Amino acid sequence: MPQRPLRADAARNRRLLLDAAAGTFAEYGMEASIAQVAARAGVGKGTVFRHFASKEYLVAAILADHLDELAATGTALLDADDPTAALLEFMTAGVERQSVDRSFCQATTGAVRGEPQVRAASERLAKVAEALTDRARRQGAVRDDVTGHDVVLLISAAYQVTAPLQSADPALWQRYLALIFDGLRSEAAHPLPHPAPGRDQFTAATDAGG
């Protein structure tokens, strides 16, 4: 049976809760509680649960939102004059989102990936990534065997590889995204935009437990 559309006031309240939850999880990670979300939204916990049956369902809704926002960014780049620059801009937007949102990577590797709304949003994102990749392939700028799914996975890889050093060097992901993107190119490598981490940064990250 199709789901009835929300009334305007109910839709506004749901959006308010989603925005409050997204901000809370971005700041504190997935360990944040529903009580913290409710406090940020200025409502009681019961109001949150009236809209979202569980914390997992709320997280799934936020993740689907994030994926759709990245897909919208990619869609807007499909008409760009330079397909290669558009693909890099898309990947940059994806890594940048993860670098400022503590919950994004946690959610994408969690059980909520199996939720129908998340699967649907993931499929939409993959289609946009494939369209961007195909434009760059046809331009002859990236390898013929690179796919949109490769691109989506590499977006996460660029963030994950630098996550332990995030506190010491928040912009380090730029270096590794450039390395990854040069690996996609069908031409010679390009200069990296960020220096390699030094011994002191590795030591600090180890001392802090990652």
Protein backbone atom coordinates (compact mmCIF):
# COMPACT_ATOMS: atom_id res chain seq x y z
CA MET A 1 0.00 0.00 0.00
CA PRO A 2 1.54 3.39 -0.98
CA GLN A 3 2.50 5.69 1.85
CA ARG A 4 0.26 8.74 2.20
CA PRO A 5 2.05 12.09 1.83
CA LEU A 6 2.67 13.99 5.05
CA ARG A 7 0.61 17.06 5.85
CA ALA A 8 2.55 20.30 5.45
CA ASP A 9 2.98 20.80 9.21
CA ALA A 10 4.01 17.18 9.75
CA ALA A 11 6.51 17.44 6.88
CA ARG A 12 7.98 20.61 8.42
CA ASN A 13 8.32 18.92 11.81
CA ARG A 14 9.98 15.90 10.25
CA ARG A 15 12.41 18.16 8.40
CA LEU A 16 13.18 20.02 11.63
CA LEU A 17 13.98 16.75 13.39
CA LEU A 18 16.11 15.50 10.50
CA ASP A 19 18.13 18.71 10.46
CA ALA A 20 18.57 18.63 14.25
CA ALA A 21 19.61 14.97 14.17
CA ALA A 22 22.01 15.52 11.28
CA GLY A 23 23.70 18.35 13.18
CA THR A 24 23.89 16.32 16.38
CA PHE A 25 25.35 13.21 14.76
CA ALA A 26 27.76 15.28 12.65
CA GLU A 27 29.13 16.87 15.82
CA TYR A 28 29.11 13.92 18.22
CA GLY A 29 29.08 10.86 15.94
CA MET A 30 26.66 7.97 16.03
CA GLU A 31 27.07 7.66 19.80
CA ALA A 32 24.83 10.72 20.23
CA SER A 33 21.51 9.95 21.89
CA ILE A 34 17.93 10.63 20.89
CA ALA A 35 17.77 12.88 23.97
CA GLN A 36 20.50 15.07 22.46
CA VAL A 37 18.64 15.20 19.16
CA ALA A 38 15.41 16.15 20.91
CA ALA A 39 17.15 18.86 22.93
CA ARG A 40 18.68 20.35 19.79
CA ALA A 41 15.28 20.37 18.10
CA GLY A 42 13.57 21.81 21.18
CA VAL A 43 11.13 18.91 21.54
CA GLY A 44 10.68 15.87 23.75
CA LYS A 45 12.00 12.41 22.93
CA GLY A 46 8.46 11.22 22.34
CA THR A 47 8.11 13.65 19.44
CA VAL A 48 11.21 12.19 17.80
CA PHE A 49 9.86 8.66 18.13
CA ARG A 50 6.50 9.66 16.71
CA HIS A 51 8.27 10.52 13.48
CA PHE A 52 11.04 7.89 13.58
CA ALA A 53 10.31 4.52 15.17
CA SER A 54 13.94 3.95 16.21
CA LYS A 55 17.33 5.59 16.24
CA GLU A 56 18.36 3.29 13.37
CA TYR A 57 15.44 4.49 11.24
CA LEU A 58 16.38 8.10 11.97
CA VAL A 59 20.00 7.43 11.01
CA ALA A 60 18.84 5.75 7.79
CA ALA A 61 16.74 8.80 6.89
CA ILE A 62 19.71 11.12 7.48
CA LEU A 63 22.06 8.93 5.44
CA ALA A 64 19.56 8.80 2.57
CA ASP A 65 19.39 12.61 2.73
CA HIS A 66 23.19 12.89 2.59
CA LEU A 67 23.43 10.53 -0.36
CA ASP A 68 20.72 12.41 -2.22
CA GLU A 69 22.45 15.74 -1.56
CA LEU A 70 25.68 14.37 -3.06
CA ALA A 71 23.71 12.97 -5.99
CA ALA A 72 22.18 16.42 -6.54
CA THR A 73 25.68 17.92 -6.54
CA GLY A 74 26.70 15.41 -9.18
CA THR A 75 23.59 16.00 -11.27
CA ALA A 76 24.34 19.72 -11.36
CA LEU A 77 27.80 18.90 -12.76
CA LEU A 78 26.54 16.78 -15.65
CA ASP A 79 26.38 19.81 -17.94
CA ALA A 80 29.83 21.14 -17.00
CA ASP A 81 32.09 22.02 -19.92
CA ASP A 82 34.99 19.95 -18.57
CA PRO A 83 33.89 16.37 -17.70
CA THR A 84 37.18 15.59 -15.93
CA ALA A 85 37.01 18.65 -13.70
CA ALA A 86 33.35 17.85 -13.01
CA LEU A 87 34.21 14.31 -11.87
CA LEU A 88 36.96 15.60 -9.59
CA GLU A 89 34.63 18.26 -8.16
CA PHE A 90 32.03 15.58 -7.44
CA MET A 91 34.56 13.37 -5.65
CA THR A 92 35.91 16.36 -3.74
CA ALA A 93 32.40 17.24 -2.54
CA GLY A 94 31.92 13.67 -1.33
CA VAL A 95 35.18 13.50 0.64
CA GLU A 96 34.66 16.99 2.03
CA ARG A 97 31.23 15.99 3.35
CA GLN A 98 32.72 13.02 5.18
CA SER A 99 35.57 15.09 6.62
CA VAL A 100 33.21 17.53 8.37
CA ASP A 101 30.54 15.01 9.42
CA ARG A 102 31.62 12.47 12.01
CA SER A 103 28.52 10.36 11.47
CA PHE A 104 28.64 10.01 7.70
CA CYS A 105 31.29 7.30 7.46
CA GLN A 106 29.97 5.53 10.54
CA ALA A 107 26.52 5.37 8.99
CA THR A 108 27.69 4.25 5.56
CA THR A 109 29.48 1.25 7.06
CA GLY A 110 26.66 0.34 9.46
CA ALA A 111 23.58 -1.86 9.31
CA VAL A 112 21.41 1.02 8.08
CA ARG A 113 22.88 0.53 4.60
CA GLY A 114 20.37 -2.30 4.24
CA GLU A 115 17.38 -0.02 4.83
CA PRO A 116 15.24 0.37 1.67
CA GLN A 117 15.47 4.17 1.67
CA VAL A 118 19.27 4.00 1.93
CA ARG A 119 19.55 1.37 -0.80
CA ALA A 120 17.39 3.50 -3.10
CA ALA A 121 19.47 6.62 -2.40
CA SER A 122 22.69 4.63 -2.96
CA GLU A 123 21.40 3.48 -6.35
CA ARG A 124 20.55 7.06 -7.31
CA LEU A 125 24.04 8.20 -6.31
CA ALA A 126 25.68 5.36 -8.24
CA LYS A 127 23.76 6.31 -11.41
CA VAL A 128 24.94 9.92 -11.15
CA ALA A 129 28.51 8.79 -10.47
CA GLU A 130 28.36 6.52 -13.52
CA ALA A 131 27.06 9.34 -15.71
CA LEU A 132 29.88 11.64 -14.60
CA THR A 133 32.45 8.89 -15.05
CA ASP A 134 31.13 8.02 -18.50
CA ARG A 135 31.53 11.64 -19.65
CA ALA A 136 35.15 11.64 -18.47
CA ARG A 137 35.76 8.25 -20.12
CA ARG A 138 34.38 9.47 -23.43
CA GLN A 139 36.63 12.52 -23.17
CA GLY A 140 39.56 10.09 -22.91
CA ALA A 141 40.58 11.56 -19.56
CA VAL A 142 40.09 8.52 -17.32
CA ARG A 143 40.71 4.81 -17.75
CA ASP A 144 38.22 2.87 -19.84
CA ASP A 145 37.72 0.35 -17.05
CA VAL A 146 36.77 2.87 -14.34
CA THR A 147 33.12 2.71 -13.27
CA GLY A 148 30.78 4.88 -11.24
CA HIS A 149 30.85 2.31 -8.45
CA ASP A 150 34.64 2.60 -8.38
CA VAL A 151 34.26 6.33 -7.94
CA VAL A 152 31.78 6.03 -5.07
CA LEU A 153 34.05 3.59 -3.23
CA LEU A 154 37.14 5.72 -3.83
CA ILE A 155 35.39 8.74 -2.33
CA SER A 156 35.16 6.83 0.95
CA ALA A 157 38.71 5.52 0.57
CA ALA A 158 40.16 9.02 0.32
CA TYR A 159 38.60 9.94 3.64
CA GLN A 160 39.15 6.66 5.47
CA VAL A 161 42.89 6.56 4.75
CA THR A 162 43.38 9.95 6.42
CA ALA A 163 40.79 9.68 9.22
CA PRO A 164 43.36 8.72 11.91
CA LEU A 165 45.25 11.95 11.17
CA GLN A 166 42.20 14.20 10.87
CA SER A 167 42.87 16.14 14.07
CA ALA A 168 46.51 16.77 13.21
CA ASP A 169 45.88 17.71 9.57
CA PRO A 170 42.20 18.18 8.57
CA ALA A 171 43.07 18.90 4.92
CA LEU A 172 45.27 15.83 4.40
CA TRP A 173 42.51 14.07 2.46
CA GLN A 174 43.19 16.47 -0.43
CA ARG A 175 46.58 14.83 -1.01
CA TYR A 176 45.15 11.34 -1.11
CA LEU A 177 42.19 12.28 -3.25
CA ALA A 178 44.69 13.71 -5.75
CA LEU A 179 46.68 10.46 -5.64
CA ILE A 180 43.51 8.47 -6.20
CA PHE A 181 42.37 10.70 -9.04
CA ASP A 182 45.75 10.48 -10.75
CA GLY A 183 45.31 6.72 -10.58
CA LEU A 184 42.10 7.14 -12.58
CA ARG A 185 43.72 9.26 -15.26
CA SER A 186 44.74 7.90 -18.64
CA GLU A 187 47.66 10.35 -18.78
CA ALA A 188 50.70 11.27 -16.69
CA ALA A 189 50.36 12.00 -12.98
CA HIS A 190 49.88 15.53 -11.70
CA PRO A 191 51.52 17.36 -8.75
CA LEU A 192 49.88 16.65 -5.39
CA PRO A 193 48.13 19.61 -3.72
CA HIS A 194 49.05 18.73 -0.13
CA PRO A 195 52.27 17.57 1.59
CA ALA A 196 52.73 14.07 2.96
CA PRO A 197 52.17 13.56 6.70
CA GLY A 198 55.36 13.61 8.76
CA ARG A 199 56.62 11.36 11.55
CA ASP A 200 55.35 13.73 14.25
CA GLN A 201 51.80 13.55 12.93
CA PHE A 202 51.86 9.75 12.87
CA THR A 203 53.26 9.70 16.40
CA ALA A 204 50.60 12.12 17.64
CA ALA A 205 47.84 10.08 16.03
CA THR A 206 49.16 6.87 17.59
CA ASP A 207 49.46 8.46 21.04
CA ALA A 208 45.88 9.68 20.75
CA GLY A 209 44.65 6.21 19.84
CA GLY A 210 43.84 7.14 16.22
